[in-house]
Amino acid sequence: MLGLHIIAEFYGVDPKLLDDEKFLRRTLIEAAKYAGARVIGETFHKFSPHGVTGVVAIAESHISIHTRPEFGYAAIDAFSCYSVHPRKIMEYLVKKLKPKRVVEVVMPRGEPFVEESPAAVALEE
């Protein structure tokens, strides 16, 4: 496997935290650094009347968040390769956002290329 992608839904988060663009920007950058990632860029947007979307680009891939404060909900992605484990990113975000419930999908990414695989054959046709 070349990387691991964790797709998470956080429920029951304080709406004030989910609507605070500065807090979320700082928290995602801190989560990247906590996991040992190298931050190479970021962009965030505050919606009106509420909600924030943001992406932190890391040399190893990315972390993203999209919030719906009115529901206490955040959709979060952490994808990384090499020595940075996305589980550490999620641990940090759980610590800071304190969700009442987390639902995750964990997906291995980039299995080593095998020429005989059906996907490889389909791409060649």
N, C-alpha and C. Protein backbone atom coordinates (compact mmCIF):
# COMPACT_ATOMS: atom_id res chain seq x y z
N MET A 1 0.85 -1.18 0.00
CA MET A 1 0.00 0.00 0.00
C MET A 1 0.89 1.23 0.00
N LEU A 2 0.47 2.24 -0.74
CA LEU A 2 1.25 3.47 -0.83
C LEU A 2 0.79 4.54 0.14
N GLY A 3 -0.45 4.43 0.62
CA GLY A 3 -0.98 5.41 1.55
C GLY A 3 -2.24 4.92 2.21
N LEU A 4 -2.75 5.70 3.14
CA LEU A 4 -3.98 5.36 3.85
C LEU A 4 -4.87 6.59 3.89
N HIS A 5 -6.14 6.40 3.60
CA HIS A 5 -7.11 7.49 3.55
C HIS A 5 -8.19 7.22 4.60
N ILE A 6 -8.35 8.13 5.54
CA ILE A 6 -9.41 8.01 6.53
C ILE A 6 -10.45 9.09 6.22
N ILE A 7 -11.68 8.65 6.00
CA ILE A 7 -12.81 9.54 5.74
C ILE A 7 -13.68 9.46 6.99
N ALA A 8 -13.87 10.59 7.66
CA ALA A 8 -14.57 10.58 8.94
C ALA A 8 -15.72 11.56 8.97
N GLU A 9 -16.72 11.19 9.75
CA GLU A 9 -17.83 12.09 10.04
C GLU A 9 -17.86 12.28 11.56
N PHE A 10 -17.78 13.53 11.98
CA PHE A 10 -17.84 13.87 13.39
C PHE A 10 -19.23 14.42 13.69
N TYR A 11 -19.88 13.84 14.69
CA TYR A 11 -21.22 14.27 15.10
C TYR A 11 -21.18 14.81 16.52
N GLY A 12 -22.05 15.74 16.82
CA GLY A 12 -22.17 16.25 18.18
C GLY A 12 -21.03 17.17 18.58
N VAL A 13 -20.50 17.92 17.61
CA VAL A 13 -19.41 18.86 17.89
C VAL A 13 -20.02 20.22 18.22
N ASP A 14 -19.40 20.95 19.11
CA ASP A 14 -19.84 22.30 19.48
C ASP A 14 -19.94 23.16 18.21
N PRO A 15 -21.13 23.67 17.90
CA PRO A 15 -21.31 24.49 16.70
C PRO A 15 -20.39 25.71 16.63
N LYS A 16 -20.03 26.28 17.77
CA LYS A 16 -19.14 27.45 17.77
C LYS A 16 -17.76 27.07 17.21
N LEU A 17 -17.28 25.88 17.56
CA LEU A 17 -15.99 25.44 17.03
C LEU A 17 -16.07 25.22 15.52
N LEU A 18 -17.17 24.65 15.08
CA LEU A 18 -17.34 24.33 13.66
C LEU A 18 -17.55 25.56 12.78
N ASP A 19 -17.83 26.69 13.41
CA ASP A 19 -18.06 27.92 12.65
C ASP A 19 -16.89 28.90 12.78
N ASP A 20 -15.83 28.48 13.45
CA ASP A 20 -14.68 29.34 13.72
C ASP A 20 -13.55 29.02 12.74
N GLU A 21 -13.47 29.79 11.66
CA GLU A 21 -12.49 29.54 10.61
C GLU A 21 -11.06 29.56 11.14
N LYS A 22 -10.73 30.53 11.98
CA LYS A 22 -9.36 30.63 12.51
C LYS A 22 -9.00 29.41 13.37
N PHE A 23 -9.93 29.01 14.21
CA PHE A 23 -9.70 27.83 15.05
C PHE A 23 -9.48 26.59 14.19
N LEU A 24 -10.32 26.39 13.17
CA LEU A 24 -10.21 25.21 12.33
C LEU A 24 -8.92 25.21 11.52
N ARG A 25 -8.53 26.37 11.00
CA ARG A 25 -7.27 26.48 10.26
C ARG A 25 -6.09 26.09 11.16
N ARG A 26 -6.05 26.68 12.34
CA ARG A 26 -4.97 26.39 13.30
C ARG A 26 -4.98 24.91 13.70
N THR A 27 -6.16 24.36 13.94
CA THR A 27 -6.29 22.98 14.40
C THR A 27 -5.85 21.98 13.34
N LEU A 28 -6.23 22.18 12.08
CA LEU A 28 -5.81 21.26 11.02
C LEU A 28 -4.30 21.34 10.78
N ILE A 29 -3.75 22.55 10.84
CA ILE A 29 -2.30 22.69 10.68
C ILE A 29 -1.57 22.03 11.84
N GLU A 30 -2.07 22.22 13.06
CA GLU A 30 -1.47 21.57 14.23
C GLU A 30 -1.57 20.05 14.11
N ALA A 31 -2.71 19.54 13.61
CA ALA A 31 -2.89 18.09 13.45
C ALA A 31 -1.85 17.53 12.48
N ALA A 32 -1.60 18.27 11.40
CA ALA A 32 -0.59 17.84 10.43
C ALA A 32 0.78 17.77 11.10
N LYS A 33 1.13 18.79 11.82
CA LYS A 33 2.44 18.83 12.48
C LYS A 33 2.56 17.76 13.57
N TYR A 34 1.47 17.53 14.30
CA TYR A 34 1.44 16.50 15.34
C TYR A 34 1.75 15.13 14.74
N ALA A 35 1.27 14.89 13.51
CA ALA A 35 1.49 13.61 12.85
C ALA A 35 2.85 13.55 12.15
N GLY A 36 3.58 14.65 12.15
CA GLY A 36 4.89 14.67 11.51
C GLY A 36 4.85 15.03 10.03
N ALA A 37 3.73 15.59 9.58
CA ALA A 37 3.59 15.97 8.17
C ALA A 37 4.23 17.34 7.92
N ARG A 38 4.55 17.58 6.66
CA ARG A 38 5.12 18.87 6.25
C ARG A 38 4.04 19.65 5.51
N VAL A 39 3.57 20.76 6.12
CA VAL A 39 2.53 21.59 5.53
C VAL A 39 3.13 22.38 4.37
N ILE A 40 2.48 22.28 3.19
CA ILE A 40 2.97 23.00 2.01
C ILE A 40 1.96 24.02 1.49
N GLY A 41 0.76 24.07 2.09
CA GLY A 41 -0.23 25.07 1.68
C GLY A 41 -1.54 24.85 2.42
N GLU A 42 -2.40 25.85 2.33
CA GLU A 42 -3.73 25.73 2.95
C GLU A 42 -4.66 26.77 2.37
N THR A 43 -5.95 26.43 2.37
CA THR A 43 -6.98 27.38 1.98
C THR A 43 -8.24 27.07 2.77
N PHE A 44 -8.89 28.12 3.26
CA PHE A 44 -10.11 27.99 4.05
C PHE A 44 -11.11 29.04 3.60
N HIS A 45 -12.40 28.72 3.76
CA HIS A 45 -13.45 29.66 3.40
C HIS A 45 -14.55 29.58 4.45
N LYS A 46 -14.99 30.75 4.93
CA LYS A 46 -16.10 30.86 5.88
C LYS A 46 -17.35 31.19 5.09
N PHE A 47 -18.38 30.38 5.26
CA PHE A 47 -19.65 30.60 4.57
C PHE A 47 -20.57 31.47 5.40
N SER A 48 -21.54 32.10 4.73
CA SER A 48 -22.55 32.90 5.41
C SER A 48 -23.90 32.23 5.18
N PRO A 49 -24.68 31.94 6.20
CA PRO A 49 -24.53 32.44 7.56
C PRO A 49 -23.61 31.59 8.44
N HIS A 50 -23.30 30.36 8.04
CA HIS A 50 -22.41 29.55 8.89
C HIS A 50 -21.80 28.42 8.07
N GLY A 51 -20.70 27.88 8.61
CA GLY A 51 -20.00 26.77 7.98
C GLY A 51 -18.63 27.18 7.48
N VAL A 52 -17.75 26.21 7.46
CA VAL A 52 -16.37 26.43 7.02
C VAL A 52 -15.95 25.23 6.19
N THR A 53 -15.20 25.50 5.14
CA THR A 53 -14.54 24.43 4.40
C THR A 53 -13.06 24.77 4.33
N GLY A 54 -12.22 23.76 4.40
CA GLY A 54 -10.79 24.04 4.37
C GLY A 54 -9.98 22.82 3.98
N VAL A 55 -8.83 23.10 3.41
CA VAL A 55 -7.90 22.06 3.01
C VAL A 55 -6.49 22.47 3.43
N VAL A 56 -5.78 21.54 4.03
CA VAL A 56 -4.37 21.72 4.32
C VAL A 56 -3.62 20.72 3.44
N ALA A 57 -2.82 21.26 2.54
CA ALA A 57 -1.99 20.40 1.69
C ALA A 57 -0.72 20.07 2.47
N ILE A 58 -0.42 18.79 2.52
CA ILE A 58 0.81 18.34 3.16
C ILE A 58 1.64 17.64 2.09
N ALA A 59 2.92 17.63 2.27
CA ALA A 59 3.80 16.99 1.28
C ALA A 59 3.38 15.54 1.06
N GLU A 60 2.81 14.94 2.08
CA GLU A 60 2.40 13.53 2.03
C GLU A 60 1.00 13.34 1.47
N SER A 61 0.19 14.39 1.31
CA SER A 61 -1.13 14.40 0.65
C SER A 61 -1.98 15.56 1.17
N HIS A 62 -3.07 15.27 1.98
CA HIS A 62 -3.94 16.37 2.39
C HIS A 62 -4.78 16.02 3.62
N ILE A 63 -5.32 17.10 4.21
CA ILE A 63 -6.33 17.02 5.27
C ILE A 63 -7.41 18.00 4.86
N SER A 64 -8.67 17.59 4.94
CA SER A 64 -9.75 18.53 4.59
C SER A 64 -10.88 18.44 5.60
N ILE A 65 -11.65 19.55 5.66
CA ILE A 65 -12.81 19.60 6.55
C ILE A 65 -13.91 20.42 5.89
N HIS A 66 -15.13 19.99 6.11
CA HIS A 66 -16.30 20.77 5.70
C HIS A 66 -17.29 20.67 6.84
N THR A 67 -17.72 21.81 7.36
CA THR A 67 -18.57 21.80 8.56
C THR A 67 -19.99 22.25 8.28
N ARG A 68 -20.89 21.70 9.06
CA ARG A 68 -22.29 22.12 9.11
C ARG A 68 -22.62 22.37 10.58
N PRO A 69 -22.25 23.57 11.08
CA PRO A 69 -22.42 23.86 12.50
C PRO A 69 -23.85 23.68 13.00
N GLU A 70 -24.82 23.98 12.14
CA GLU A 70 -26.22 23.87 12.56
C GLU A 70 -26.61 22.44 12.91
N PHE A 71 -25.81 21.46 12.48
CA PHE A 71 -26.05 20.05 12.80
C PHE A 71 -24.98 19.47 13.71
N GLY A 72 -24.00 20.30 14.12
CA GLY A 72 -22.90 19.79 14.94
C GLY A 72 -22.06 18.77 14.18
N TYR A 73 -21.95 18.94 12.86
CA TYR A 73 -21.37 17.93 11.97
C TYR A 73 -20.15 18.46 11.23
N ALA A 74 -19.16 17.57 11.09
CA ALA A 74 -17.99 17.87 10.26
C ALA A 74 -17.63 16.64 9.44
N ALA A 75 -17.37 16.86 8.15
CA ALA A 75 -16.85 15.82 7.27
C ALA A 75 -15.35 16.07 7.14
N ILE A 76 -14.56 15.06 7.44
CA ILE A 76 -13.10 15.23 7.49
C ILE A 76 -12.42 14.12 6.70
N ASP A 77 -11.40 14.49 5.94
CA ASP A 77 -10.55 13.53 5.23
C ASP A 77 -9.11 13.71 5.70
N ALA A 78 -8.43 12.61 5.87
CA ALA A 78 -6.99 12.64 6.12
C ALA A 78 -6.38 11.55 5.25
N PHE A 79 -5.56 11.95 4.30
CA PHE A 79 -4.91 11.00 3.40
C PHE A 79 -3.42 11.29 3.44
N SER A 80 -2.63 10.25 3.65
CA SER A 80 -1.19 10.46 3.67
C SER A 80 -0.45 9.19 3.26
N CYS A 81 0.77 9.42 2.84
CA CYS A 81 1.65 8.33 2.43
C CYS A 81 2.94 8.43 3.24
N TYR A 82 3.79 7.48 3.02
CA TYR A 82 5.12 7.46 3.61
C TYR A 82 5.06 7.33 5.13
N SER A 83 5.72 8.20 5.85
CA SER A 83 5.87 8.01 7.30
C SER A 83 4.80 8.69 8.13
N VAL A 84 3.87 9.41 7.52
CA VAL A 84 2.82 10.12 8.26
C VAL A 84 1.57 9.26 8.30
N HIS A 85 1.11 8.93 9.51
CA HIS A 85 -0.07 8.09 9.64
C HIS A 85 -1.31 8.96 9.87
N PRO A 86 -2.33 8.81 9.03
CA PRO A 86 -3.53 9.63 9.19
C PRO A 86 -4.27 9.37 10.50
N ARG A 87 -4.01 8.24 11.14
CA ARG A 87 -4.65 7.97 12.44
C ARG A 87 -4.21 9.01 13.47
N LYS A 88 -2.95 9.43 13.41
CA LYS A 88 -2.48 10.46 14.35
C LYS A 88 -3.18 11.79 14.08
N ILE A 89 -3.44 12.09 12.82
CA ILE A 89 -4.17 13.31 12.47
C ILE A 89 -5.57 13.25 13.08
N MET A 90 -6.25 12.13 12.90
CA MET A 90 -7.61 11.98 13.44
C MET A 90 -7.61 12.03 14.96
N GLU A 91 -6.63 11.41 15.60
CA GLU A 91 -6.53 11.47 17.07
C GLU A 91 -6.48 12.91 17.54
N TYR A 92 -5.68 13.72 16.87
CA TYR A 92 -5.55 15.12 17.25
C TYR A 92 -6.87 15.87 17.04
N LEU A 93 -7.52 15.62 15.92
CA LEU A 93 -8.78 16.32 15.63
C LEU A 93 -9.88 15.91 16.62
N VAL A 94 -9.92 14.66 17.01
CA VAL A 94 -10.90 14.22 18.01
C VAL A 94 -10.62 14.93 19.34
N LYS A 95 -9.36 15.03 19.70
CA LYS A 95 -8.98 15.70 20.95
C LYS A 95 -9.45 17.17 20.96
N LYS A 96 -9.30 17.86 19.83
CA LYS A 96 -9.63 19.29 19.76
C LYS A 96 -11.11 19.56 19.52
N LEU A 97 -11.78 18.72 18.70
CA LEU A 97 -13.18 18.98 18.36
C LEU A 97 -14.16 18.29 19.31
N LYS A 98 -13.71 17.26 20.00
CA LYS A 98 -14.50 16.54 20.99
C LYS A 98 -15.88 16.09 20.46
N PRO A 99 -15.90 15.35 19.36
CA PRO A 99 -17.19 14.87 18.86
C PRO A 99 -17.80 13.85 19.82
N LYS A 100 -19.12 13.78 19.82
CA LYS A 100 -19.80 12.78 20.64
C LYS A 100 -19.77 11.42 19.94
N ARG A 101 -19.68 11.45 18.60
CA ARG A 101 -19.65 10.20 17.83
C ARG A 101 -18.82 10.42 16.57
N VAL A 102 -18.05 9.39 16.20
CA VAL A 102 -17.23 9.42 14.99
C VAL A 102 -17.54 8.17 14.17
N VAL A 103 -17.77 8.39 12.88
CA VAL A 103 -17.95 7.28 11.94
C VAL A 103 -16.82 7.41 10.92
N GLU A 104 -16.11 6.30 10.67
CA GLU A 104 -14.95 6.34 9.77
C GLU A 104 -15.02 5.25 8.72
N VAL A 105 -14.43 5.58 7.58
CA VAL A 105 -14.11 4.61 6.55
C VAL A 105 -12.60 4.71 6.37
N VAL A 106 -11.92 3.57 6.45
CA VAL A 106 -10.47 3.54 6.30
C VAL A 106 -10.16 2.79 5.00
N MET A 107 -9.45 3.47 4.10
CA MET A 107 -9.21 2.92 2.78
C MET A 107 -7.72 2.90 2.44
N PRO A 108 -7.16 1.72 2.20
CA PRO A 108 -5.79 1.66 1.70
C PRO A 108 -5.77 2.26 0.29
N ARG A 109 -4.74 3.00 -0.04
CA ARG A 109 -4.64 3.63 -1.36
C ARG A 109 -3.36 3.18 -2.05
N GLY A 110 -3.45 3.04 -3.36
CA GLY A 110 -2.29 2.78 -4.18
C GLY A 110 -1.61 1.46 -3.93
N GLU A 111 -2.39 0.37 -3.96
CA GLU A 111 -1.75 -0.92 -3.84
C GLU A 111 -0.68 -1.01 -4.92
N PRO A 112 0.42 -1.67 -4.63
CA PRO A 112 1.48 -1.75 -5.64
C PRO A 112 0.93 -2.20 -6.98
N PHE A 113 1.36 -1.55 -8.02
CA PHE A 113 0.88 -1.82 -9.37
C PHE A 113 1.26 -3.23 -9.80
N VAL A 114 0.27 -3.96 -10.27
CA VAL A 114 0.49 -5.30 -10.80
C VAL A 114 -0.06 -5.31 -12.22
N GLU A 115 0.80 -5.57 -13.20
CA GLU A 115 0.39 -5.48 -14.61
C GLU A 115 -0.77 -6.38 -14.96
N GLU A 116 -0.93 -7.50 -14.27
CA GLU A 116 -1.99 -8.44 -14.61
C GLU A 116 -3.33 -8.07 -13.97
N SER A 117 -3.39 -7.00 -13.19
CA SER A 117 -4.64 -6.65 -12.52
C SER A 117 -5.70 -6.23 -13.54
N PRO A 118 -7.00 -6.54 -13.29
CA PRO A 118 -8.07 -6.15 -14.22
C PRO A 118 -8.09 -4.64 -14.46
N ALA A 119 -7.80 -3.84 -13.44
CA ALA A 119 -7.80 -2.37 -13.62
C ALA A 119 -6.70 -1.95 -14.59
N ALA A 120 -5.54 -2.55 -14.47
CA ALA A 120 -4.43 -2.20 -15.37
C ALA A 120 -4.76 -2.60 -16.80
N VAL A 121 -5.38 -3.74 -16.97
CA VAL A 121 -5.76 -4.19 -18.31
C VAL A 121 -6.80 -3.25 -18.90
N ALA A 122 -7.80 -2.86 -18.09
CA ALA A 122 -8.85 -1.98 -18.57
C ALA A 122 -8.28 -0.63 -19.03
N LEU A 123 -7.29 -0.13 -18.35
CA LEU A 123 -6.70 1.16 -18.72
C LEU A 123 -5.93 1.08 -20.03
N GLU A 124 -5.37 -0.11 -20.32
CA GLU A 124 -4.58 -0.27 -21.53
C GLU A 124 -5.45 -0.40 -22.78
N GLU A 125 -6.67 -0.81 -22.63
CA GLU A 125 -7.55 -1.05 -23.79
C GLU A 125 -8.03 0.22 -24.45
